[in-house]
Amino acid sequence: VGPGGTLETFSVINFPFIDPFTGLERPVPYGYGIINLDGCDNLLPHFLDISDHTKLAIGQRVEAVFEEKENRTTALTDIKHFRVLI
């Protein structure tokens, strides 16, 4: 399984949310998408980088943005978010 995939669907959320992994409120708006990872038959729900949410579209290619190596714990939370590839 690689770090890239295809955005199958997404939502842009405009209400506050406390991230249960960090205990911090996520800045709004934030994106959440369902990603079909390359080389995998399962779908992965995860946060999206939405610096410009008007450019999000179903079918776009995305790639994972990881935590810095010294902060990784080998958990799903090592993926900070997915960013759109242009």
PDB file of N, CA and C in Angstrom:
ATOM      1  N   VAL A   1       0.852  -1.169   0.000  1.00  0.00           N
ATOM      2  CA  VAL A   1       0.000   0.000   0.000  1.00  0.00           C
ATOM      3  C   VAL A   1       0.896   1.230   0.000  1.00  0.00           C
ATOM      4  N   GLY A   2       0.599   2.146  -0.902  1.00  0.00           N
ATOM      5  CA  GLY A   2       1.400   3.364  -0.987  1.00  0.00           C
ATOM      6  C   GLY A   2       0.741   4.535  -0.284  1.00  0.00           C
ATOM      7  N   PRO A   3       1.412   5.680  -0.254  1.00  0.00           N
ATOM      8  CA  PRO A   3       0.862   6.858   0.417  1.00  0.00           C
ATOM      9  C   PRO A   3      -0.165   7.616  -0.417  1.00  0.00           C
ATOM     10  N   GLY A   4      -0.350   7.214  -1.677  1.00  0.00           N
ATOM     11  CA  GLY A   4      -1.289   7.907  -2.554  1.00  0.00           C
ATOM     12  C   GLY A   4      -2.599   7.174  -2.678  1.00  0.00           C
ATOM     13  N   GLY A   5      -3.585   7.873  -3.210  1.00  0.00           N
ATOM     14  CA  GLY A   5      -4.887   7.261  -3.410  1.00  0.00           C
ATOM     15  C   GLY A   5      -5.812   8.183  -4.174  1.00  0.00           C
ATOM     16  N   THR A   6      -7.074   7.787  -4.227  1.00  0.00           N
ATOM     17  CA  THR A   6      -8.105   8.538  -4.935  1.00  0.00           C
ATOM     18  C   THR A   6      -9.173   8.972  -3.945  1.00  0.00           C
ATOM     19  N   LEU A   7      -9.586  10.224  -4.047  1.00  0.00           N
ATOM     20  CA  LEU A   7     -10.635  10.757  -3.183  1.00  0.00           C
ATOM     21  C   LEU A   7     -11.984  10.274  -3.702  1.00  0.00           C
ATOM     22  N   GLU A   8     -12.649   9.426  -2.926  1.00  0.00           N
ATOM     23  CA  GLU A   8     -13.923   8.837  -3.344  1.00  0.00           C
ATOM     24  C   GLU A   8     -15.111   9.738  -3.018  1.00  0.00           C
ATOM     25  N   THR A   9     -15.063  10.400  -1.880  1.00  0.00           N
ATOM     26  CA  THR A   9     -16.093  11.361  -1.475  1.00  0.00           C
ATOM     27  C   THR A   9     -15.512  12.214  -0.359  1.00  0.00           C
ATOM     28  N   PHE A  10     -16.159  13.331  -0.063  1.00  0.00           N
ATOM     29  CA  PHE A  10     -15.635  14.223   0.972  1.00  0.00           C
ATOM     30  C   PHE A  10     -16.733  15.133   1.495  1.00  0.00           C
ATOM     31  N   SER A  11     -16.444  15.740   2.639  1.00  0.00           N
ATOM     32  CA  SER A  11     -17.300  16.773   3.225  1.00  0.00           C
ATOM     33  C   SER A  11     -16.411  17.892   3.730  1.00  0.00           C
ATOM     34  N   VAL A  12     -16.919  19.104   3.648  1.00  0.00           N
ATOM     35  CA  VAL A  12     -16.276  20.253   4.273  1.00  0.00           C
ATOM     36  C   VAL A  12     -17.136  20.604   5.477  1.00  0.00           C
ATOM     37  N   ILE A  13     -16.541  20.546   6.650  1.00  0.00           N
ATOM     38  CA  ILE A  13     -17.290  20.707   7.895  1.00  0.00           C
ATOM     39  C   ILE A  13     -17.022  22.091   8.473  1.00  0.00           C
ATOM     40  N   ASN A  14     -18.111  22.758   8.869  1.00  0.00           N
ATOM     41  CA  ASN A  14     -18.017  24.136   9.352  1.00  0.00           C
ATOM     42  C   ASN A  14     -18.470  24.299  10.795  1.00  0.00           C
ATOM     43  N   PHE A  15     -18.360  23.247  11.587  1.00  0.00           N
ATOM     44  CA  PHE A  15     -18.690  23.382  13.007  1.00  0.00           C
ATOM     45  C   PHE A  15     -17.520  22.859  13.834  1.00  0.00           C
ATOM     46  N   PRO A  16     -17.358  23.391  15.046  1.00  0.00           N
ATOM     47  CA  PRO A  16     -16.212  23.006  15.879  1.00  0.00           C
ATOM     48  C   PRO A  16     -16.220  21.517  16.217  1.00  0.00           C
ATOM     49  N   PHE A  17     -15.026  20.981  16.376  1.00  0.00           N
ATOM     50  CA  PHE A  17     -14.853  19.560  16.656  1.00  0.00           C
ATOM     51  C   PHE A  17     -13.611  19.391  17.522  1.00  0.00           C
ATOM     52  N   ILE A  18     -13.751  18.687  18.620  1.00  0.00           N
ATOM     53  CA  ILE A  18     -12.594  18.373  19.460  1.00  0.00           C
ATOM     54  C   ILE A  18     -12.009  17.052  18.969  1.00  0.00           C
ATOM     55  N   ASP A  19     -10.775  17.099  18.505  1.00  0.00           N
ATOM     56  CA  ASP A  19     -10.100  15.906  18.007  1.00  0.00           C
ATOM     57  C   ASP A  19      -9.812  14.983  19.191  1.00  0.00           C
ATOM     58  N   PRO A  20     -10.379  13.769  19.205  1.00  0.00           N
ATOM     59  CA  PRO A  20     -10.176  12.879  20.353  1.00  0.00           C
ATOM     60  C   PRO A  20      -8.730  12.407  20.514  1.00  0.00           C
ATOM     61  N   PHE A  21      -7.936  12.488  19.449  1.00  0.00           N
ATOM     62  CA  PHE A  21      -6.544  12.054  19.538  1.00  0.00           C
ATOM     63  C   PHE A  21      -5.652  13.116  20.160  1.00  0.00           C
ATOM     64  N   THR A  22      -6.006  14.397  19.955  1.00  0.00           N
ATOM     65  CA  THR A  22      -5.161  15.480  20.464  1.00  0.00           C
ATOM     66  C   THR A  22      -5.808  16.258  21.603  1.00  0.00           C
ATOM     67  N   GLY A  23      -7.134  16.208  21.701  1.00  0.00           N
ATOM     68  CA  GLY A  23      -7.846  17.000  22.698  1.00  0.00           C
ATOM     69  C   GLY A  23      -7.983  18.459  22.307  1.00  0.00           C
ATOM     70  N   LEU A  24      -7.546  18.799  21.091  1.00  0.00           N
ATOM     71  CA  LEU A  24      -7.599  20.177  20.613  1.00  0.00           C
ATOM     72  C   LEU A  24      -8.742  20.361  19.621  1.00  0.00           C
ATOM     73  N   GLU A  25      -9.277  21.572  19.583  1.00  0.00           N
ATOM     74  CA  GLU A  25     -10.325  21.873  18.611  1.00  0.00           C
ATOM     75  C   GLU A  25      -9.697  22.047  17.234  1.00  0.00           C
ATOM     76  N   ARG A  26     -10.273  21.383  16.243  1.00  0.00           N
ATOM     77  CA  ARG A  26      -9.784  21.537  14.871  1.00  0.00           C
ATOM     78  C   ARG A  26     -10.264  22.874  14.335  1.00  0.00           C
ATOM     79  N   PRO A  27      -9.408  23.587  13.611  1.00  0.00           N
ATOM     80  CA  PRO A  27      -9.857  24.847  13.023  1.00  0.00           C
ATOM     81  C   PRO A  27     -10.920  24.581  11.957  1.00  0.00           C
ATOM     82  N   VAL A  28     -11.913  25.440  11.888  1.00  0.00           N
ATOM     83  CA  VAL A  28     -12.967  25.284  10.887  1.00  0.00           C
ATOM     84  C   VAL A  28     -12.739  26.275   9.754  1.00  0.00           C
ATOM     85  N   PRO A  29     -13.106  25.975   8.544  1.00  0.00           N
ATOM     86  CA  PRO A  29     -13.626  24.670   8.149  1.00  0.00           C
ATOM     87  C   PRO A  29     -12.505  23.640   8.057  1.00  0.00           C
ATOM     88  N   TYR A  30     -12.887  22.377   8.121  1.00  0.00           N
ATOM     89  CA  TYR A  30     -11.928  21.302   7.900  1.00  0.00           C
ATOM     90  C   TYR A  30     -12.577  20.273   6.981  1.00  0.00           C
ATOM     91  N   GLY A  31     -11.744  19.506   6.325  1.00  0.00           N
ATOM     92  CA  GLY A  31     -12.241  18.518   5.378  1.00  0.00           C
ATOM     93  C   GLY A  31     -12.072  17.108   5.896  1.00  0.00           C
ATOM     94  N   TYR A  32     -12.993  16.267   5.492  1.00  0.00           N
ATOM     95  CA  TYR A  32     -12.935  14.851   5.836  1.00  0.00           C
ATOM     96  C   TYR A  32     -13.300  14.082   4.579  1.00  0.00           C
ATOM     97  N   GLY A  33     -12.491  13.104   4.232  1.00  0.00           N
ATOM     98  CA  GLY A  33     -12.732  12.377   2.996  1.00  0.00           C
ATOM     99  C   GLY A  33     -12.598  10.881   3.164  1.00  0.00           C
ATOM    100  N   ILE A  34     -13.073  10.179   2.167  1.00  0.00           N
ATOM    101  CA  ILE A  34     -12.913   8.729   2.077  1.00  0.00           C
ATOM    102  C   ILE A  34     -11.921   8.486   0.942  1.00  0.00           C
ATOM    103  N   ILE A  35     -10.803   7.857   1.280  1.00  0.00           N
ATOM    104  CA  ILE A  35      -9.714   7.664   0.326  1.00  0.00           C
ATOM    105  C   ILE A  35      -9.572   6.196  -0.016  1.00  0.00           C
ATOM    106  N   ASN A  36      -9.472   5.910  -1.313  1.00  0.00           N
ATOM    107  CA  ASN A  36      -9.175   4.569  -1.806  1.00  0.00           C
ATOM    108  C   ASN A  36      -7.668   4.528  -2.042  1.00  0.00           C
ATOM    109  N   LEU A  37      -6.932   3.939  -1.098  1.00  0.00           N
ATOM    110  CA  LEU A  37      -5.475   3.908  -1.188  1.00  0.00           C
ATOM    111  C   LEU A  37      -5.003   3.014  -2.327  1.00  0.00           C
ATOM    112  N   ASP A  38      -3.922   3.418  -2.978  1.00  0.00           N
ATOM    113  CA  ASP A  38      -3.322   2.616  -4.040  1.00  0.00           C
ATOM    114  C   ASP A  38      -2.880   1.270  -3.483  1.00  0.00           C
ATOM    115  N   GLY A  39      -3.217   0.193  -4.177  1.00  0.00           N
ATOM    116  CA  GLY A  39      -2.794  -1.140  -3.772  1.00  0.00           C
ATOM    117  C   GLY A  39      -3.609  -1.737  -2.650  1.00  0.00           C
ATOM    118  N   CYS A  40      -4.779  -1.169  -2.372  1.00  0.00           N
ATOM    119  CA  CYS A  40      -5.597  -1.633  -1.254  1.00  0.00           C
ATOM    120  C   CYS A  40      -7.062  -1.670  -1.685  1.00  0.00           C
ATOM    121  N   ASP A  41      -7.797  -2.658  -1.206  1.00  0.00           N
ATOM    122  CA  ASP A  41      -9.218  -2.761  -1.537  1.00  0.00           C
ATOM    123  C   ASP A  41     -10.117  -2.074  -0.518  1.00  0.00           C
ATOM    124  N   ASN A  42      -9.540  -1.582   0.574  1.00  0.00           N
ATOM    125  CA  ASN A  42     -10.326  -0.939   1.626  1.00  0.00           C
ATOM    126  C   ASN A  42     -10.299   0.572   1.469  1.00  0.00           C
ATOM    127  N   LEU A  43     -11.337   1.225   1.979  1.00  0.00           N
ATOM    128  CA  LEU A  43     -11.402   2.679   1.974  1.00  0.00           C
ATOM    129  C   LEU A  43     -10.970   3.207   3.339  1.00  0.00           C
ATOM    130  N   LEU A  44     -10.300   4.350   3.341  1.00  0.00           N
ATOM    131  CA  LEU A  44      -9.788   4.943   4.571  1.00  0.00           C
ATOM    132  C   LEU A  44     -10.405   6.323   4.772  1.00  0.00           C
ATOM    133  N   PRO A  45     -11.166   6.512   5.848  1.00  0.00           N
ATOM    134  CA  PRO A  45     -11.653   7.859   6.155  1.00  0.00           C
ATOM    135  C   PRO A  45     -10.558   8.651   6.872  1.00  0.00           C
ATOM    136  N   HIS A  46     -10.356   9.902   6.457  1.00  0.00           N
ATOM    137  CA  HIS A  46      -9.312  10.703   7.104  1.00  0.00           C
ATOM    138  C   HIS A  46      -9.520  12.180   6.798  1.00  0.00           C
ATOM    139  N   PHE A  47      -8.776  13.023   7.533  1.00  0.00           N
ATOM    140  CA  PHE A  47      -8.837  14.466   7.340  1.00  0.00           C
ATOM    141  C   PHE A  47      -8.175  14.857   6.024  1.00  0.00           C
ATOM    142  N   LEU A  48      -8.647  15.966   5.452  1.00  0.00           N
ATOM    143  CA  LEU A  48      -8.099  16.508   4.216  1.00  0.00           C
ATOM    144  C   LEU A  48      -7.535  17.896   4.467  1.00  0.00           C
ATOM    145  N   ASP A  49      -6.471  18.241   3.747  1.00  0.00           N
ATOM    146  CA  ASP A  49      -5.967  19.611   3.735  1.00  0.00           C
ATOM    147  C   ASP A  49      -6.899  20.405   2.831  1.00  0.00           C
ATOM    148  N   ILE A  50      -7.541  21.406   3.381  1.00  0.00           N
ATOM    149  CA  ILE A  50      -8.487  22.171   2.562  1.00  0.00           C
ATOM    150  C   ILE A  50      -8.101  23.639   2.526  1.00  0.00           C
ATOM    151  N   SER A  51      -6.854  23.925   2.191  1.00  0.00           N
ATOM    152  CA  SER A  51      -6.440  25.314   2.083  1.00  0.00           C
ATOM    153  C   SER A  51      -7.325  26.055   1.080  1.00  0.00           C
ATOM    154  N   ASP A  52      -7.851  25.349   0.086  1.00  0.00           N
ATOM    155  CA  ASP A  52      -8.856  25.907  -0.832  1.00  0.00           C
ATOM    156  C   ASP A  52      -9.876  24.811  -1.116  1.00  0.00           C
ATOM    157  N   HIS A  53     -10.924  24.748  -0.294  1.00  0.00           N
ATOM    158  CA  HIS A  53     -11.892  23.652  -0.409  1.00  0.00           C
ATOM    159  C   HIS A  53     -12.691  23.689  -1.709  1.00  0.00           C
ATOM    160  N   THR A  54     -12.681  24.810  -2.422  1.00  0.00           N
ATOM    161  CA  THR A  54     -13.415  24.876  -3.693  1.00  0.00           C
ATOM    162  C   THR A  54     -12.743  24.031  -4.771  1.00  0.00           C
ATOM    163  N   LYS A  55     -11.506  23.620  -4.535  1.00  0.00           N
ATOM    164  CA  LYS A  55     -10.787  22.811  -5.521  1.00  0.00           C
ATOM    165  C   LYS A  55     -10.897  21.313  -5.267  1.00  0.00           C
ATOM    166  N   LEU A  56     -11.598  20.908  -4.191  1.00  0.00           N
ATOM    167  CA  LEU A  56     -11.789  19.481  -3.931  1.00  0.00           C
ATOM    168  C   LEU A  56     -12.799  18.905  -4.914  1.00  0.00           C
ATOM    169  N   ALA A  57     -12.529  17.692  -5.385  1.00  0.00           N
ATOM    170  CA  ALA A  57     -13.454  17.027  -6.301  1.00  0.00           C
ATOM    171  C   ALA A  57     -13.309  15.514  -6.157  1.00  0.00           C
ATOM    172  N   ILE A  58     -14.421  14.830  -6.267  1.00  0.00           N
ATOM    173  CA  ILE A  58     -14.403  13.368  -6.244  1.00  0.00           C
ATOM    174  C   ILE A  58     -13.556  12.879  -7.413  1.00  0.00           C
ATOM    175  N   GLY A  59     -12.719  11.879  -7.152  1.00  0.00           N
ATOM    176  CA  GLY A  59     -11.856  11.319  -8.184  1.00  0.00           C
ATOM    177  C   GLY A  59     -10.459  11.913  -8.208  1.00  0.00           C
ATOM    178  N   GLN A  60     -10.218  12.957  -7.421  1.00  0.00           N
ATOM    179  CA  GLN A  60      -8.884  13.561  -7.398  1.00  0.00           C
ATOM    180  C   GLN A  60      -7.870  12.632  -6.752  1.00  0.00           C
ATOM    181  N   ARG A  61      -6.635  12.781  -7.182  1.00  0.00           N
ATOM    182  CA  ARG A  61      -5.529  12.059  -6.567  1.00  0.00           C
ATOM    183  C   ARG A  61      -5.095  12.804  -5.314  1.00  0.00           C
ATOM    184  N   VAL A  62      -4.827  12.037  -4.254  1.00  0.00           N
ATOM    185  CA  VAL A  62      -4.373  12.606  -2.985  1.00  0.00           C
ATOM    186  C   VAL A  62      -3.178  11.806  -2.484  1.00  0.00           C
ATOM    187  N   GLU A  63      -2.433  12.406  -1.557  1.00  0.00           N
ATOM    188  CA  GLU A  63      -1.345  11.678  -0.910  1.00  0.00           C
ATOM    189  C   GLU A  63      -1.298  12.046   0.559  1.00  0.00           C
ATOM    190  N   ALA A  64      -0.821  11.103   1.354  1.00  0.00           N
ATOM    191  CA  ALA A  64      -0.741  11.289   2.799  1.00  0.00           C
ATOM    192  C   ALA A  64       0.366  12.266   3.159  1.00  0.00           C
ATOM    193  N   VAL A  65       0.094  13.089   4.158  1.00  0.00           N
ATOM    194  CA  VAL A  65       1.094  13.967   4.763  1.00  0.00           C
ATOM    195  C   VAL A  65       1.317  13.429   6.172  1.00  0.00           C
ATOM    196  N   PHE A  66       2.539  13.007   6.446  1.00  0.00           N
ATOM    197  CA  PHE A  66       2.856  12.330   7.704  1.00  0.00           C
ATOM    198  C   PHE A  66       3.428  13.282   8.748  1.00  0.00           C
ATOM    199  N   GLU A  67       3.292  12.873  10.014  1.00  0.00           N
ATOM    200  CA  GLU A  67       3.971  13.556  11.115  1.00  0.00           C
ATOM    201  C   GLU A  67       5.481  13.455  10.881  1.00  0.00           C
ATOM    202  N   GLU A  68       6.224  14.338  11.522  1.00  0.00           N
ATOM    203  CA  GLU A  68       7.685  14.251  11.474  1.00  0.00           C
ATOM    204  C   GLU A  68       8.104  12.901  12.049  1.00  0.00           C
ATOM    205  N   LYS A  69       9.192  12.334  11.515  1.00  0.00           N
ATOM    206  CA  LYS A  69       9.614  10.984  11.926  1.00  0.00           C
ATOM    207  C   LYS A  69       9.767  10.839  13.433  1.00  0.00           C
ATOM    208  N   GLU A  70      10.300  11.852  14.091  1.00  0.00           N
ATOM    209  CA  GLU A  70      10.520  11.737  15.537  1.00  0.00           C
ATOM    210  C   GLU A  70       9.218  11.747  16.338  1.00  0.00           C
ATOM    211  N   ASN A  71       8.114  12.144  15.703  1.00  0.00           N
ATOM    212  CA  ASN A  71       6.814  12.183  16.387  1.00  0.00           C
ATOM    213  C   ASN A  71       5.908  11.005  16.032  1.00  0.00           C
ATOM    214  N   ARG A  72       6.359  10.125  15.155  1.00  0.00           N
ATOM    215  CA  ARG A  72       5.515   9.009  14.721  1.00  0.00           C
ATOM    216  C   ARG A  72       5.445   7.912  15.776  1.00  0.00           C
ATOM    217  N   THR A  73       4.270   7.256  15.827  1.00  0.00           N
ATOM    218  CA  THR A  73       4.040   6.199  16.819  1.00  0.00           C
ATOM    219  C   THR A  73       3.602   4.888  16.171  1.00  0.00           C
ATOM    220  N   THR A  74       3.693   4.784  14.857  1.00  0.00           N
ATOM    221  CA  THR A  74       3.225   3.633  14.068  1.00  0.00           C
ATOM    222  C   THR A  74       1.721   3.429  14.195  1.00  0.00           C
ATOM    223  N   ALA A  75       0.979   4.498  14.365  1.00  0.00           N
ATOM    224  CA  ALA A  75      -0.483   4.452  14.437  1.00  0.00           C
ATOM    225  C   ALA A  75      -1.070   5.241  13.269  1.00  0.00           C
ATOM    226  N   LEU A  76      -2.346   5.078  13.046  1.00  0.00           N
ATOM    227  CA  LEU A  76      -3.031   5.802  11.975  1.00  0.00           C
ATOM    228  C   LEU A  76      -2.887   7.312  12.143  1.00  0.00           C
ATOM    229  N   THR A  77      -2.730   7.759  13.375  1.00  0.00           N
ATOM    230  CA  THR A  77      -2.575   9.192  13.629  1.00  0.00           C
ATOM    231  C   THR A  77      -1.239   9.742  13.129  1.00  0.00           C
ATOM    232  N   ASP A  78      -0.347   8.874  12.652  1.00  0.00           N
ATOM    233  CA  ASP A  78       0.884   9.348  12.018  1.00  0.00           C
ATOM    234  C   ASP A  78       0.578  10.078  10.715  1.00  0.00           C
ATOM    235  N   ILE A  79      -0.587   9.817  10.131  1.00  0.00           N
ATOM    236  CA  ILE A  79      -1.028  10.563   8.949  1.00  0.00           C
ATOM    237  C   ILE A  79      -1.738  11.811   9.462  1.00  0.00           C
ATOM    238  N   LYS A  80      -1.160  12.989   9.197  1.00  0.00           N
ATOM    239  CA  LYS A  80      -1.776  14.241   9.643  1.00  0.00           C
ATOM    240  C   LYS A  80      -3.041  14.518   8.838  1.00  0.00           C
ATOM    241  N   HIS A  81      -2.933  14.360   7.530  1.00  0.00           N
ATOM    242  CA  HIS A  81      -4.055  14.584   6.624  1.00  0.00           C
ATOM    243  C   HIS A  81      -3.629  14.135   5.228  1.00  0.00           C
ATOM    244  N   PHE A  82      -4.540  14.207   4.297  1.00  0.00           N
ATOM    245  CA  PHE A  82      -4.234  13.954   2.892  1.00  0.00           C
ATOM    246  C   PHE A  82      -4.299  15.273   2.144  1.00  0.00           C
ATOM    247  N   ARG A  83      -3.384  15.451   1.202  1.00  0.00           N
ATOM    248  CA  ARG A  83      -3.402  16.657   0.378  1.00  0.00           C
ATOM    249  C   ARG A  83      -3.689  16.273  -1.062  1.00  0.00           C
ATOM    250  N   VAL A  84      -4.327  17.196  -1.766  1.00  0.00           N
ATOM    251  CA  VAL A  84      -4.680  16.973  -3.167  1.00  0.00           C
ATOM    252  C   VAL A  84      -3.439  17.145  -4.032  1.00  0.00           C
ATOM    253  N   LEU A  85      -3.250  16.239  -4.977  1.00  0.00           N
ATOM    254  CA  LEU A  85      -2.170  16.361  -5.959  1.00  0.00           C
ATOM    255  C   LEU A  85      -2.729  17.073  -7.188  1.00  0.00           C
ATOM    256  N   ILE A  86      -1.991  18.017  -7.695  1.00  0.00           N
ATOM    257  CA  ILE A  86      -2.478  18.777  -8.864  1.00  0.00           C
ATOM    258  C   ILE A  86      -1.742  18.342 -10.103  1.00  0.00           C
TER     259      ILE A  86
END
